[in-house]
Protein backbone atom coordinates (compact mmCIF):
# COMPACT_ATOMS: atom_id res chain seq x y z
CA MET A 1 86.27 117.32 89.85
CA LYS A 2 90.05 117.14 89.28
CA LYS A 3 90.67 118.38 92.82
CA ALA A 4 89.94 115.03 94.57
CA PRO A 5 92.99 112.98 93.41
CA GLY A 6 95.32 115.77 94.50
CA SER A 7 93.55 115.91 97.85
CA PHE A 8 94.22 112.20 98.34
CA LEU A 9 97.89 112.77 97.59
CA ILE A 10 98.10 115.67 100.04
CA PHE A 11 96.33 113.64 102.73
CA GLY A 12 98.61 110.62 102.28
CA THR A 13 101.71 112.80 102.30
CA THR A 14 100.52 114.61 105.42
CA VAL A 15 99.97 111.32 107.24
CA THR A 16 103.47 110.20 106.25
CA VAL A 17 105.02 113.48 107.42
CA ILE A 18 103.20 113.15 110.76
CA MET A 19 104.58 109.62 111.09
CA GLY A 20 108.07 110.97 110.39
CA ALA A 21 107.70 113.75 112.96
CA ILE A 22 106.57 111.30 115.63
CA LEU A 23 109.42 108.94 114.76
CA ALA A 24 111.95 111.78 115.03
CA TRP A 25 110.43 112.84 118.36
CA ILE A 26 110.69 109.41 120.00
CA TRP A 27 113.74 108.05 118.15
CA GLN A 28 115.97 108.09 121.24
CA ALA A 29 113.35 106.29 123.34
CA LEU A 30 113.08 103.38 120.91
CA PRO A 31 115.14 100.26 121.61
CA PRO A 32 117.64 99.13 118.95
CA LYS A 33 115.30 96.30 117.89
CA ILE A 34 111.54 96.65 117.40
CA PRO A 35 108.79 94.11 116.65
CA LEU A 36 108.07 94.69 112.97
CA PHE A 37 107.54 91.31 111.34
CA TYR A 38 104.35 90.08 113.04
CA SER A 39 103.78 87.39 110.43
CA LEU A 40 106.90 85.51 111.56
CA PRO A 41 106.98 83.13 114.54
CA TRP A 42 107.02 84.67 118.01
CA GLY A 43 110.28 85.94 119.44
CA GLU A 44 113.57 87.10 117.99
CA GLU A 45 112.48 86.53 114.38
CA GLN A 46 109.91 89.32 114.61
CA LEU A 47 112.49 91.94 115.54
CA ALA A 48 114.12 94.41 113.16
CA ASP A 49 116.45 97.36 113.58
CA LYS A 50 114.61 100.58 114.31
CA VAL A 51 115.97 102.10 111.09
CA TYR A 52 113.41 99.95 109.26
CA LEU A 53 110.78 102.45 110.40
CA VAL A 54 112.57 105.08 108.31
CA TYR A 55 112.43 102.69 105.35
CA VAL A 56 108.69 102.32 105.95
CA LEU A 57 108.27 106.10 105.71
CA ILE A 58 110.30 106.26 102.50
CA GLY A 59 108.23 103.37 101.15
CA CYS A 60 105.02 105.25 101.89
CA LEU A 61 106.22 108.27 99.92
CA VAL A 62 107.35 106.09 97.01
CA LEU A 63 104.01 104.26 97.09
CA LEU A 64 102.13 107.55 96.92
CA ALA A 65 104.28 108.81 94.04
CA ILE A 66 103.85 105.62 92.03
CA THR A 67 100.13 105.54 92.76
CA ARG A 68 99.79 109.16 91.62
CA MET A 69 101.67 108.50 88.38
CA PHE A 70 99.62 105.38 87.69
CA SER A 71 96.35 107.14 88.49
CA LEU A 72 97.22 109.98 86.10
CA TRP A 73 98.04 107.46 83.37
CA ALA A 74 95.03 105.19 83.93
CA GLY A 75 92.58 108.02 84.58
CA ARG A 76 93.36 110.14 81.52
CA ASP A 77 89.79 109.92 80.29
CA ASP A 78 87.97 109.02 83.48
CA ASP A 79 88.09 110.92 86.77
CA THR A 80 86.47 108.02 88.62
CA VAL A 81 89.36 105.71 87.75
CA GLU A 82 91.90 108.30 88.89
CA ILE A 83 90.10 108.86 92.18
CA THR A 84 89.66 105.13 92.81
CA ILE A 85 93.35 104.38 92.27
CA MET A 86 94.41 107.25 94.53
CA ALA A 87 91.94 106.11 97.20
CA GLY A 88 93.51 102.65 97.08
CA GLY A 89 97.01 104.07 97.48
CA VAL A 90 96.00 106.24 100.41
CA THR A 91 94.20 103.29 102.00
CA ALA A 92 97.44 101.32 101.82
CA VAL A 93 99.30 104.20 103.48
CA MET A 94 96.66 104.38 106.22
CA LEU A 95 97.05 100.65 106.92
CA ILE A 96 100.81 101.11 107.14
CA ALA A 97 100.26 104.10 109.45
CA ALA A 98 98.01 102.01 111.71
CA THR A 99 100.76 99.40 112.05
CA PHE A 100 103.38 102.11 112.59
CA PHE A 101 101.37 103.76 115.37
CA ARG A 102 100.71 100.38 116.99
CA ILE A 103 104.45 99.70 117.13
CA ILE A 104 105.08 103.16 118.57
CA GLN A 105 102.26 102.67 121.10
CA ILE A 106 104.03 99.58 122.46
CA PHE A 107 106.99 101.71 123.47
CA ILE A 108 105.25 104.80 124.79
CA GLY A 109 103.16 102.63 127.08
CA THR A 110 99.59 103.70 126.32
């Protein structure tokens, strides 16, 4: 049963690498400022430099690493705890990926 937490880690890392590949592919097409902070009032305040998308990718990888370390520590005696924590971390990465792809979709026009 120890295979599942590692599978979550591989899946989350793969999603992050795909996000990075897409970002590298369309980097030149992105404007200098992108709408990233949707919780702020409409307009200029929502915009951030496009380099923040790189920070998002790095954050996803750090999140996965911390989640994996915490799941190994917390799930020493219980596989269910380890799997649950990893599932939560990967869910967070998937929510970030959904936002990332929505931002990218704005600029590729589909």
